[in-house]
Amino acid sequence: MFSPQIIERFLDWGFMLEFLQKGGWPVMSVLLVLSVYALAVFFYKIFQFYTAGVFNNQFVEPVMADVKKGELTFAEQKLLNARGPVATVMKVAIACITNRHMSQKSREAEISRVGSAELRNLESHMRGMEMAGNVGPLLGLLGTVIGMIDTFKVLGKAGSRVDPAMLAGGIWEALISTVAGLSVAIPAVMIYYLLDGIIEKVRATMRDVTVQIMALEDEFIRNEKEQDRREMLEQERRLREQQESLEKAMEQQRTTPQSSSTLRLLSPSYIRF
């Protein structure tokens, strides 16, 4: 743990300037910029995730329950006020399976396009955070090597009058840049993996709901075919009933005795009677 004296000393601007100077202005300046950039990206991503609704997935279960029941209208109404990449992909997936004129390939392409756009938005500046984590140690090592070169140059000029204190002082000053590089890289890598874990969770949720909604498409098709089959059977039953009613009427007409007026029309001999 850092003691209060050390923390107070680091907060002293004079000591900070001296620290930067001993570590080497070129390298330490770049490391300072990288640290500010990594910190800015961290706060920006947290703000972006919060405003985009990444941390709110409470609507997923109720919407999926309506989708599984086939109540797509209710599901779309629940998604009206929902925001975030998961909600956007669910809206597109439901709209795609509702449109019966779209082919399966077109639906998958549209959902993939929207999902990729949402993920690209979430992954913005992540490469910069990764760069800060990877470049920080290399810059620190570069500063250390440059400092060691300067130290041995001074020792070479001293000749036989080498002071061990001079060597030790040069080494620890050269190692300052390594410490600074690691101090930038370690938090940057931790932040990168933290943000990447959040994005990966969103990606997994998007993939899960999309697969479930698209899988229900097959069930919808089976239900439609079953309904068409039932309607066809019902029409055939009605046609048979109508045909049987017609045949019964014709049979009854043939078996019913003809009236006298009908007989007179058929046979003129009945006129005499």
C-alpha atoms as a PDB file:
ATOM      1  CA  MET A   1       0.000   0.000   0.000  1.00  0.00           C
ATOM      2  CA  PHE A   2       1.115   3.550  -0.714  1.00  0.00           C
ATOM      3  CA  SER A   3       1.745   5.658   2.347  1.00  0.00           C
ATOM      4  CA  PRO A   4       0.120   9.115   2.614  1.00  0.00           C
ATOM      5  CA  GLN A   5       3.539  10.706   2.243  1.00  0.00           C
ATOM      6  CA  ILE A   6       4.127   9.003  -1.101  1.00  0.00           C
ATOM      7  CA  ILE A   7       0.674   9.927  -2.370  1.00  0.00           C
ATOM      8  CA  GLU A   8       1.141  13.530  -1.250  1.00  0.00           C
ATOM      9  CA  ARG A   9       4.497  13.650  -2.987  1.00  0.00           C
ATOM     10  CA  PHE A  10       3.048  12.373  -6.252  1.00  0.00           C
ATOM     11  CA  LEU A  11       0.401  15.069  -6.063  1.00  0.00           C
ATOM     12  CA  ASP A  12       3.150  17.664  -5.890  1.00  0.00           C
ATOM     13  CA  TRP A  13       3.526  19.170  -9.381  1.00  0.00           C
ATOM     14  CA  GLY A  14       7.191  19.922  -8.829  1.00  0.00           C
ATOM     15  CA  PHE A  15       7.915  16.302  -8.039  1.00  0.00           C
ATOM     16  CA  MET A  16       5.847  15.172 -11.020  1.00  0.00           C
ATOM     17  CA  LEU A  17       7.807  17.391 -13.364  1.00  0.00           C
ATOM     18  CA  GLU A  18      11.044  16.093 -11.905  1.00  0.00           C
ATOM     19  CA  PHE A  19       9.767  12.539 -12.264  1.00  0.00           C
ATOM     20  CA  LEU A  20       8.924  13.130 -15.926  1.00  0.00           C
ATOM     21  CA  GLN A  21      12.275  14.756 -16.560  1.00  0.00           C
ATOM     22  CA  LYS A  22      14.279  11.923 -15.017  1.00  0.00           C
ATOM     23  CA  GLY A  23      12.291   9.354 -16.937  1.00  0.00           C
ATOM     24  CA  GLY A  24      13.004  11.129 -20.214  1.00  0.00           C
ATOM     25  CA  TRP A  25      10.743  13.786 -21.674  1.00  0.00           C
ATOM     26  CA  PRO A  26      10.059  12.170 -25.084  1.00  0.00           C
ATOM     27  CA  VAL A  27       8.977   8.782 -23.743  1.00  0.00           C
ATOM     28  CA  MET A  28       7.289  10.067 -20.593  1.00  0.00           C
ATOM     29  CA  SER A  29       5.275  12.611 -22.597  1.00  0.00           C
ATOM     30  CA  VAL A  30       3.890   9.877 -24.854  1.00  0.00           C
ATOM     31  CA  LEU A  31       3.075   7.716 -21.826  1.00  0.00           C
ATOM     32  CA  LEU A  32       1.293  10.637 -20.213  1.00  0.00           C
ATOM     33  CA  VAL A  33      -0.816  11.148 -23.343  1.00  0.00           C
ATOM     34  CA  LEU A  34      -1.619   7.427 -23.471  1.00  0.00           C
ATOM     35  CA  SER A  35      -2.716   7.426 -19.834  1.00  0.00           C
ATOM     36  CA  VAL A  36      -5.023  10.414 -20.374  1.00  0.00           C
ATOM     37  CA  TYR A  37      -6.431   8.803 -23.529  1.00  0.00           C
ATOM     38  CA  ALA A  38      -7.069   5.461 -21.798  1.00  0.00           C
ATOM     39  CA  LEU A  39      -8.817   7.180 -18.895  1.00  0.00           C
ATOM     40  CA  ALA A  40     -10.954   9.263 -21.270  1.00  0.00           C
ATOM     41  CA  VAL A  41     -11.953   6.166 -23.247  1.00  0.00           C
ATOM     42  CA  PHE A  42     -12.947   4.380 -20.051  1.00  0.00           C
ATOM     43  CA  PHE A  43     -15.320   7.152 -18.918  1.00  0.00           C
ATOM     44  CA  TYR A  44     -16.654   7.578 -22.459  1.00  0.00           C
ATOM     45  CA  LYS A  45     -17.449   3.871 -22.827  1.00  0.00           C
ATOM     46  CA  ILE A  46     -19.202   3.730 -19.460  1.00  0.00           C
ATOM     47  CA  PHE A  47     -21.306   6.758 -20.480  1.00  0.00           C
ATOM     48  CA  GLN A  48     -21.980   5.201 -23.894  1.00  0.00           C
ATOM     49  CA  PHE A  49     -23.040   1.862 -22.419  1.00  0.00           C
ATOM     50  CA  TYR A  50     -25.318   3.570 -19.904  1.00  0.00           C
ATOM     51  CA  THR A  51     -27.035   5.854 -22.433  1.00  0.00           C
ATOM     52  CA  ALA A  52     -27.401   2.991 -24.927  1.00  0.00           C
ATOM     53  CA  GLY A  53     -29.176   0.807 -22.382  1.00  0.00           C
ATOM     54  CA  VAL A  54     -26.553  -1.926 -22.415  1.00  0.00           C
ATOM     55  CA  PHE A  55     -26.998  -2.645 -18.724  1.00  0.00           C
ATOM     56  CA  ASN A  56     -30.806  -2.968 -18.987  1.00  0.00           C
ATOM     57  CA  ASN A  57     -31.975  -6.367 -20.261  1.00  0.00           C
ATOM     58  CA  GLN A  58     -35.087  -6.772 -18.126  1.00  0.00           C
ATOM     59  CA  PHE A  59     -37.335  -6.605 -21.185  1.00  0.00           C
ATOM     60  CA  VAL A  60     -35.810  -9.670 -22.841  1.00  0.00           C
ATOM     61  CA  GLU A  61     -37.669 -12.361 -20.890  1.00  0.00           C
ATOM     62  CA  PRO A  62     -41.179 -10.805 -21.166  1.00  0.00           C
ATOM     63  CA  VAL A  63     -40.728 -10.168 -24.872  1.00  0.00           C
ATOM     64  CA  MET A  64     -39.437 -13.675 -25.545  1.00  0.00           C
ATOM     65  CA  ALA A  65     -42.393 -15.098 -23.592  1.00  0.00           C
ATOM     66  CA  ASP A  66     -44.800 -13.292 -25.951  1.00  0.00           C
ATOM     67  CA  VAL A  67     -42.800 -14.386 -28.983  1.00  0.00           C
ATOM     68  CA  LYS A  68     -42.920 -18.035 -27.926  1.00  0.00           C
ATOM     69  CA  LYS A  69     -46.703 -17.740 -27.561  1.00  0.00           C
ATOM     70  CA  GLY A  70     -46.917 -16.309 -31.058  1.00  0.00           C
ATOM     71  CA  GLU A  71     -48.153 -12.925 -29.780  1.00  0.00           C
ATOM     72  CA  LEU A  72     -45.833 -10.820 -31.901  1.00  0.00           C
ATOM     73  CA  THR A  73     -47.978  -7.694 -31.634  1.00  0.00           C
ATOM     74  CA  PHE A  74     -47.639  -7.637 -27.848  1.00  0.00           C
ATOM     75  CA  ALA A  75     -43.908  -8.300 -28.185  1.00  0.00           C
ATOM     76  CA  GLU A  76     -43.480  -5.338 -30.531  1.00  0.00           C
ATOM     77  CA  GLN A  77     -45.410  -3.081 -28.155  1.00  0.00           C
ATOM     78  CA  LYS A  78     -43.119  -4.012 -25.273  1.00  0.00           C
ATOM     79  CA  LEU A  79     -40.103  -3.215 -27.423  1.00  0.00           C
ATOM     80  CA  LEU A  80     -41.296   0.281 -28.307  1.00  0.00           C
ATOM     81  CA  ASN A  81     -39.821   1.878 -25.171  1.00  0.00           C
ATOM     82  CA  ALA A  82     -36.843  -0.493 -24.931  1.00  0.00           C
ATOM     83  CA  ARG A  83     -33.472   0.774 -26.126  1.00  0.00           C
ATOM     84  CA  GLY A  84     -30.104  -0.752 -26.698  1.00  0.00           C
ATOM     85  CA  PRO A  85     -28.490  -3.089 -29.223  1.00  0.00           C
ATOM     86  CA  VAL A  86     -30.390  -6.142 -27.966  1.00  0.00           C
ATOM     87  CA  ALA A  87     -33.743  -4.381 -28.310  1.00  0.00           C
ATOM     88  CA  THR A  88     -32.832  -3.151 -31.801  1.00  0.00           C
ATOM     89  CA  VAL A  89     -31.920  -6.623 -33.005  1.00  0.00           C
ATOM     90  CA  MET A  90     -35.086  -8.106 -31.500  1.00  0.00           C
ATOM     91  CA  LYS A  91     -37.218  -5.498 -33.282  1.00  0.00           C
ATOM     92  CA  VAL A  92     -35.568  -6.298 -36.605  1.00  0.00           C
ATOM     93  CA  ALA A  93     -35.858 -10.065 -36.086  1.00  0.00           C
ATOM     94  CA  ILE A  94     -39.562  -9.852 -35.238  1.00  0.00           C
ATOM     95  CA  ALA A  95     -40.186  -7.539 -38.201  1.00  0.00           C
ATOM     96  CA  CYS A  96     -38.354  -9.964 -40.494  1.00  0.00           C
ATOM     97  CA  ILE A  97     -40.327 -13.046 -39.474  1.00  0.00           C
ATOM     98  CA  THR A  98     -43.558 -11.043 -39.658  1.00  0.00           C
ATOM     99  CA  ASN A  99     -42.828 -10.135 -43.272  1.00  0.00           C
ATOM    100  CA  ARG A 100     -43.884 -13.295 -45.097  1.00  0.00           C
ATOM    101  CA  HIS A 101     -42.487 -12.026 -48.416  1.00  0.00           C
ATOM    102  CA  MET A 102     -38.859 -12.105 -47.199  1.00  0.00           C
ATOM    103  CA  SER A 103     -36.787 -15.204 -47.813  1.00  0.00           C
ATOM    104  CA  GLN A 104     -34.849 -16.932 -45.061  1.00  0.00           C
ATOM    105  CA  LYS A 105     -31.548 -15.718 -46.518  1.00  0.00           C
ATOM    106  CA  SER A 106     -32.754 -12.107 -46.669  1.00  0.00           C
ATOM    107  CA  ARG A 107     -33.905 -12.249 -43.054  1.00  0.00           C
ATOM    108  CA  GLU A 108     -30.569 -13.578 -41.838  1.00  0.00           C
ATOM    109  CA  ALA A 109     -28.683 -10.947 -43.862  1.00  0.00           C
ATOM    110  CA  GLU A 110     -30.778  -8.100 -42.474  1.00  0.00           C
ATOM    111  CA  ILE A 111     -30.438  -9.252 -38.869  1.00  0.00           C
ATOM    112  CA  SER A 112     -26.695  -9.748 -39.316  1.00  0.00           C
ATOM    113  CA  ARG A 113     -26.323  -6.266 -40.823  1.00  0.00           C
ATOM    114  CA  VAL A 114     -28.128  -4.529 -37.959  1.00  0.00           C
ATOM    115  CA  GLY A 115     -26.369  -6.591 -35.299  1.00  0.00           C
ATOM    116  CA  SER A 116     -22.940  -5.886 -36.781  1.00  0.00           C
ATOM    117  CA  ALA A 117     -23.657  -2.152 -36.867  1.00  0.00           C
ATOM    118  CA  GLU A 118     -24.685  -2.154 -33.202  1.00  0.00           C
ATOM    119  CA  LEU A 119     -21.564  -4.090 -32.180  1.00  0.00           C
ATOM    120  CA  ARG A 120     -19.286  -1.800 -34.180  1.00  0.00           C
ATOM    121  CA  ASN A 121     -20.748   1.132 -32.284  1.00  0.00           C
ATOM    122  CA  LEU A 122     -20.039  -0.562 -28.957  1.00  0.00           C
ATOM    123  CA  GLU A 123     -16.509  -1.507 -30.022  1.00  0.00           C
ATOM    124  CA  SER A 124     -15.512   2.039 -30.956  1.00  0.00           C
ATOM    125  CA  HIS A 125     -12.199   3.177 -29.365  1.00  0.00           C
ATOM    126  CA  MET A 126     -11.549  -0.335 -28.088  1.00  0.00           C
ATOM    127  CA  ARG A 127      -8.585  -0.635 -30.440  1.00  0.00           C
ATOM    128  CA  GLY A 128      -7.123   2.513 -28.903  1.00  0.00           C
ATOM    129  CA  MET A 129      -7.455   1.037 -25.416  1.00  0.00           C
ATOM    130  CA  GLU A 130      -5.788  -2.165 -26.610  1.00  0.00           C
ATOM    131  CA  MET A 131      -3.024  -0.119 -28.214  1.00  0.00           C
ATOM    132  CA  ALA A 132      -2.370   1.725 -24.945  1.00  0.00           C
ATOM    133  CA  GLY A 133      -2.082  -1.566 -23.090  1.00  0.00           C
ATOM    134  CA  ASN A 134       0.317  -3.068 -25.623  1.00  0.00           C
ATOM    135  CA  VAL A 135       2.450  -0.028 -26.398  1.00  0.00           C
ATOM    136  CA  GLY A 136       2.883   1.183 -22.802  1.00  0.00           C
ATOM    137  CA  PRO A 137       5.414  -1.487 -21.719  1.00  0.00           C
ATOM    138  CA  LEU A 138       7.312  -1.146 -24.985  1.00  0.00           C
ATOM    139  CA  LEU A 139       7.623   2.609 -24.548  1.00  0.00           C
ATOM    140  CA  GLY A 140       8.753   2.098 -20.953  1.00  0.00           C
ATOM    141  CA  LEU A 141      11.371  -0.394 -22.103  1.00  0.00           C
ATOM    142  CA  LEU A 142      12.494   2.027 -24.789  1.00  0.00           C
ATOM    143  CA  GLY A 143      12.921   4.775 -22.210  1.00  0.00           C
ATOM    144  CA  THR A 144      14.881   2.429 -19.963  1.00  0.00           C
ATOM    145  CA  VAL A 145      17.219   1.445 -22.791  1.00  0.00           C
ATOM    146  CA  ILE A 146      17.773   5.084 -23.711  1.00  0.00           C
ATOM    147  CA  GLY A 147      18.477   5.908 -20.057  1.00  0.00           C
ATOM    148  CA  MET A 148      20.926   3.015 -19.747  1.00  0.00           C
ATOM    149  CA  ILE A 149      22.732   4.201 -22.865  1.00  0.00           C
ATOM    150  CA  ASP A 150      23.087   7.687 -21.400  1.00  0.00           C
ATOM    151  CA  THR A 151      24.294   6.220 -18.094  1.00  0.00           C
ATOM    152  CA  PHE A 152      26.964   4.072 -19.699  1.00  0.00           C
ATOM    153  CA  LYS A 153      27.993   7.002 -21.873  1.00  0.00           C
ATOM    154  CA  VAL A 154      28.653   9.044 -18.745  1.00  0.00           C
ATOM    155  CA  LEU A 155      30.514   6.115 -17.183  1.00  0.00           C
ATOM    156  CA  GLY A 156      32.612   5.774 -20.311  1.00  0.00           C
ATOM    157  CA  LYS A 157      33.646   9.403 -20.109  1.00  0.00           C
ATOM    158  CA  ALA A 158      34.547   9.021 -16.409  1.00  0.00           C
ATOM    159  CA  GLY A 159      37.142   6.396 -17.301  1.00  0.00           C
ATOM    160  CA  SER A 160      38.734   4.764 -14.274  1.00  0.00           C
ATOM    161  CA  ARG A 161      37.109   7.217 -11.879  1.00  0.00           C
ATOM    162  CA  VAL A 162      33.793   5.348 -11.843  1.00  0.00           C
ATOM    163  CA  ASP A 163      31.519   6.149  -8.915  1.00  0.00           C
ATOM    164  CA  PRO A 164      29.132   3.298  -8.002  1.00  0.00           C
ATOM    165  CA  ALA A 165      26.627   5.859  -6.796  1.00  0.00           C
ATOM    166  CA  MET A 166      26.617   7.402 -10.260  1.00  0.00           C
ATOM    167  CA  LEU A 167      25.903   4.004 -11.810  1.00  0.00           C
ATOM    168  CA  ALA A 168      23.115   3.228  -9.350  1.00  0.00           C
ATOM    169  CA  GLY A 169      21.554   6.651  -9.821  1.00  0.00           C
ATOM    170  CA  GLY A 170      21.595   6.301 -13.591  1.00  0.00           C
ATOM    171  CA  ILE A 171      20.010   2.862 -13.475  1.00  0.00           C
ATOM    172  CA  TRP A 172      17.135   3.836 -11.224  1.00  0.00           C
ATOM    173  CA  GLU A 173      16.434   6.917 -13.315  1.00  0.00           C
ATOM    174  CA  ALA A 174      16.398   4.735 -16.415  1.00  0.00           C
ATOM    175  CA  LEU A 175      13.946   2.334 -14.785  1.00  0.00           C
ATOM    176  CA  ILE A 176      11.471   5.158 -14.148  1.00  0.00           C
ATOM    177  CA  SER A 177      10.165   4.920 -17.717  1.00  0.00           C
ATOM    178  CA  THR A 178       9.596   1.177 -17.308  1.00  0.00           C
ATOM    179  CA  VAL A 179       7.557   1.803 -14.175  1.00  0.00           C
ATOM    180  CA  ALA A 180       5.587   4.510 -15.967  1.00  0.00           C
ATOM    181  CA  GLY A 181       4.938   2.234 -18.953  1.00  0.00           C
ATOM    182  CA  LEU A 182       3.672  -0.580 -16.732  1.00  0.00           C
ATOM    183  CA  SER A 183       1.582   1.901 -14.732  1.00  0.00           C
ATOM    184  CA  VAL A 184      -0.169   2.894 -17.957  1.00  0.00           C
ATOM    185  CA  ALA A 185      -0.407  -0.585 -19.483  1.00  0.00           C
ATOM    186  CA  ILE A 186      -1.794  -2.535 -16.512  1.00  0.00           C
ATOM    187  CA  PRO A 187      -4.907  -0.341 -15.949  1.00  0.00           C
ATOM    188  CA  ALA A 188      -5.425  -0.064 -19.713  1.00  0.00           C
ATOM    189  CA  VAL A 189      -5.409  -3.845 -20.138  1.00  0.00           C
ATOM    190  CA  MET A 190      -7.740  -4.283 -17.162  1.00  0.00           C
ATOM    191  CA  ILE A 191     -10.171  -1.700 -18.542  1.00  0.00           C
ATOM    192  CA  TYR A 192      -9.984  -3.274 -21.997  1.00  0.00           C
ATOM    193  CA  TYR A 193     -10.919  -6.726 -20.729  1.00  0.00           C
ATOM    194  CA  LEU A 194     -13.666  -5.256 -18.549  1.00  0.00           C
ATOM    195  CA  LEU A 195     -15.254  -3.425 -21.477  1.00  0.00           C
ATOM    196  CA  ASP A 196     -14.706  -6.353 -23.816  1.00  0.00           C
ATOM    197  CA  GLY A 197     -16.502  -8.624 -21.350  1.00  0.00           C
ATOM    198  CA  ILE A 198     -19.518  -6.313 -21.365  1.00  0.00           C
ATOM    199  CA  ILE A 199     -19.550  -6.239 -25.178  1.00  0.00           C
ATOM    200  CA  GLU A 200     -19.189 -10.020 -25.348  1.00  0.00           C
ATOM    201  CA  LYS A 201     -22.176 -10.413 -23.036  1.00  0.00           C
ATOM    202  CA  VAL A 202     -24.230  -8.160 -25.310  1.00  0.00           C
ATOM    203  CA  ARG A 203     -23.070 -10.147 -28.352  1.00  0.00           C
ATOM    204  CA  ALA A 204     -24.060 -13.438 -26.711  1.00  0.00           C
ATOM    205  CA  THR A 205     -27.490 -12.067 -25.747  1.00  0.00           C
ATOM    206  CA  MET A 206     -28.095 -10.778 -29.275  1.00  0.00           C
ATOM    207  CA  ARG A 207     -27.115 -14.126 -30.749  1.00  0.00           C
ATOM    208  CA  ASP A 208     -29.306 -16.035 -28.270  1.00  0.00           C
ATOM    209  CA  VAL A 209     -32.496 -14.030 -28.852  1.00  0.00           C
ATOM    210  CA  THR A 210     -31.950 -14.041 -32.614  1.00  0.00           C
ATOM    211  CA  VAL A 211     -31.552 -17.812 -32.726  1.00  0.00           C
ATOM    212  CA  GLN A 212     -34.690 -18.277 -30.620  1.00  0.00           C
ATOM    213  CA  ILE A 213     -36.779 -15.931 -32.767  1.00  0.00           C
ATOM    214  CA  MET A 214     -35.550 -17.452 -36.029  1.00  0.00           C
ATOM    215  CA  ALA A 215     -36.140 -20.955 -34.656  1.00  0.00           C
ATOM    216  CA  LEU A 216     -39.745 -20.003 -33.989  1.00  0.00           C
ATOM    217  CA  GLU A 217     -40.084 -19.223 -37.690  1.00  0.00           C
ATOM    218  CA  ASP A 218     -40.091 -22.963 -38.437  1.00  0.00           C
ATOM    219  CA  GLU A 219     -42.843 -23.452 -35.881  1.00  0.00           C
ATOM    220  CA  PHE A 220     -44.854 -20.640 -37.455  1.00  0.00           C
ATOM    221  CA  ILE A 221     -44.492 -22.275 -40.856  1.00  0.00           C
ATOM    222  CA  ARG A 222     -45.639 -25.617 -39.457  1.00  0.00           C
ATOM    223  CA  ASN A 223     -48.627 -23.941 -37.806  1.00  0.00           C
ATOM    224  CA  GLU A 224     -49.542 -22.207 -41.045  1.00  0.00           C
ATOM    225  CA  LYS A 225     -49.343 -25.482 -42.967  1.00  0.00           C
ATOM    226  CA  GLU A 226     -51.417 -27.208 -40.316  1.00  0.00           C
ATOM    227  CA  GLN A 227     -53.996 -24.443 -40.441  1.00  0.00           C
ATOM    228  CA  ASP A 228     -54.116 -24.615 -44.248  1.00  0.00           C
ATOM    229  CA  ARG A 229     -54.571 -28.380 -44.034  1.00  0.00           C
ATOM    230  CA  ARG A 230     -57.412 -27.999 -41.548  1.00  0.00           C
ATOM    231  CA  GLU A 231     -59.107 -25.397 -43.721  1.00  0.00           C
ATOM    232  CA  MET A 232     -58.791 -27.701 -46.730  1.00  0.00           C
ATOM    233  CA  LEU A 233     -60.271 -30.595 -44.785  1.00  0.00           C
ATOM    234  CA  GLU A 234     -63.096 -28.350 -43.598  1.00  0.00           C
ATOM    235  CA  GLN A 235     -63.828 -27.283 -47.174  1.00  0.00           C
ATOM    236  CA  GLU A 236     -63.839 -30.910 -48.324  1.00  0.00           C
ATOM    237  CA  ARG A 237     -66.206 -31.803 -45.503  1.00  0.00           C
ATOM    238  CA  ARG A 238     -68.578 -29.006 -46.467  1.00  0.00           C
ATOM    239  CA  LEU A 239     -68.457 -30.058 -50.109  1.00  0.00           C
ATOM    240  CA  ARG A 240     -69.272 -33.637 -49.139  1.00  0.00           C
ATOM    241  CA  GLU A 241     -72.158 -32.473 -46.978  1.00  0.00           C
ATOM    242  CA  GLN A 242     -73.515 -30.340 -49.792  1.00  0.00           C
ATOM    243  CA  GLN A 243     -73.149 -33.206 -52.248  1.00  0.00           C
ATOM    244  CA  GLU A 244     -74.855 -35.610 -49.867  1.00  0.00           C
ATOM    245  CA  SER A 245     -77.684 -33.124 -49.299  1.00  0.00           C
ATOM    246  CA  LEU A 246     -78.090 -32.701 -53.036  1.00  0.00           C
ATOM    247  CA  GLU A 247     -78.141 -36.456 -53.606  1.00  0.00           C
ATOM    248  CA  LYS A 248     -80.714 -36.914 -50.843  1.00  0.00           C
ATOM    249  CA  ALA A 249     -82.903 -34.209 -52.364  1.00  0.00           C
ATOM    250  CA  MET A 250     -82.703 -35.833 -55.783  1.00  0.00           C
ATOM    251  CA  GLU A 251     -83.436 -39.256 -54.329  1.00  0.00           C
ATOM    252  CA  GLN A 252     -86.421 -37.892 -52.441  1.00  0.00           C
ATOM    253  CA  GLN A 253     -87.707 -36.252 -55.594  1.00  0.00           C
ATOM    254  CA  ARG A 254     -87.481 -39.520 -57.491  1.00  0.00           C
ATOM    255  CA  THR A 255     -89.337 -41.505 -54.804  1.00  0.00           C
ATOM    256  CA  THR A 256     -92.124 -38.906 -54.239  1.00  0.00           C
ATOM    257  CA  PRO A 257     -95.453 -39.661 -56.175  1.00  0.00           C
ATOM    258  CA  GLN A 258     -96.191 -37.173 -58.914  1.00  0.00           C
ATOM    259  CA  SER A 259     -99.204 -34.886 -58.533  1.00  0.00           C
ATOM    260  CA  SER A 260    -102.206 -35.024 -60.830  1.00  0.00           C
ATOM    261  CA  SER A 261    -101.361 -31.765 -62.490  1.00  0.00           C
ATOM    262  CA  THR A 262     -97.934 -33.156 -63.314  1.00  0.00           C
ATOM    263  CA  LEU A 263     -99.525 -36.310 -64.685  1.00  0.00           C
ATOM    264  CA  ARG A 264    -101.901 -34.257 -66.886  1.00  0.00           C
ATOM    265  CA  LEU A 265     -98.952 -32.427 -68.303  1.00  0.00           C
ATOM    266  CA  LEU A 266     -97.118 -35.653 -69.008  1.00  0.00           C
ATOM    267  CA  SER A 267    -100.137 -37.610 -70.396  1.00  0.00           C
ATOM    268  CA  PRO A 268    -102.952 -35.895 -72.379  1.00  0.00           C
ATOM    269  CA  SER A 269    -105.320 -38.816 -71.613  1.00  0.00           C
ATOM    270  CA  TYR A 270    -105.898 -37.393 -68.181  1.00  0.00           C
ATOM    271  CA  ILE A 271    -107.734 -34.433 -69.708  1.00  0.00           C
ATOM    272  CA  ARG A 272    -110.773 -36.617 -70.451  1.00  0.00           C
ATOM    273  CA  PHE A 273    -111.104 -37.589 -66.848  1.00  0.00           C
END
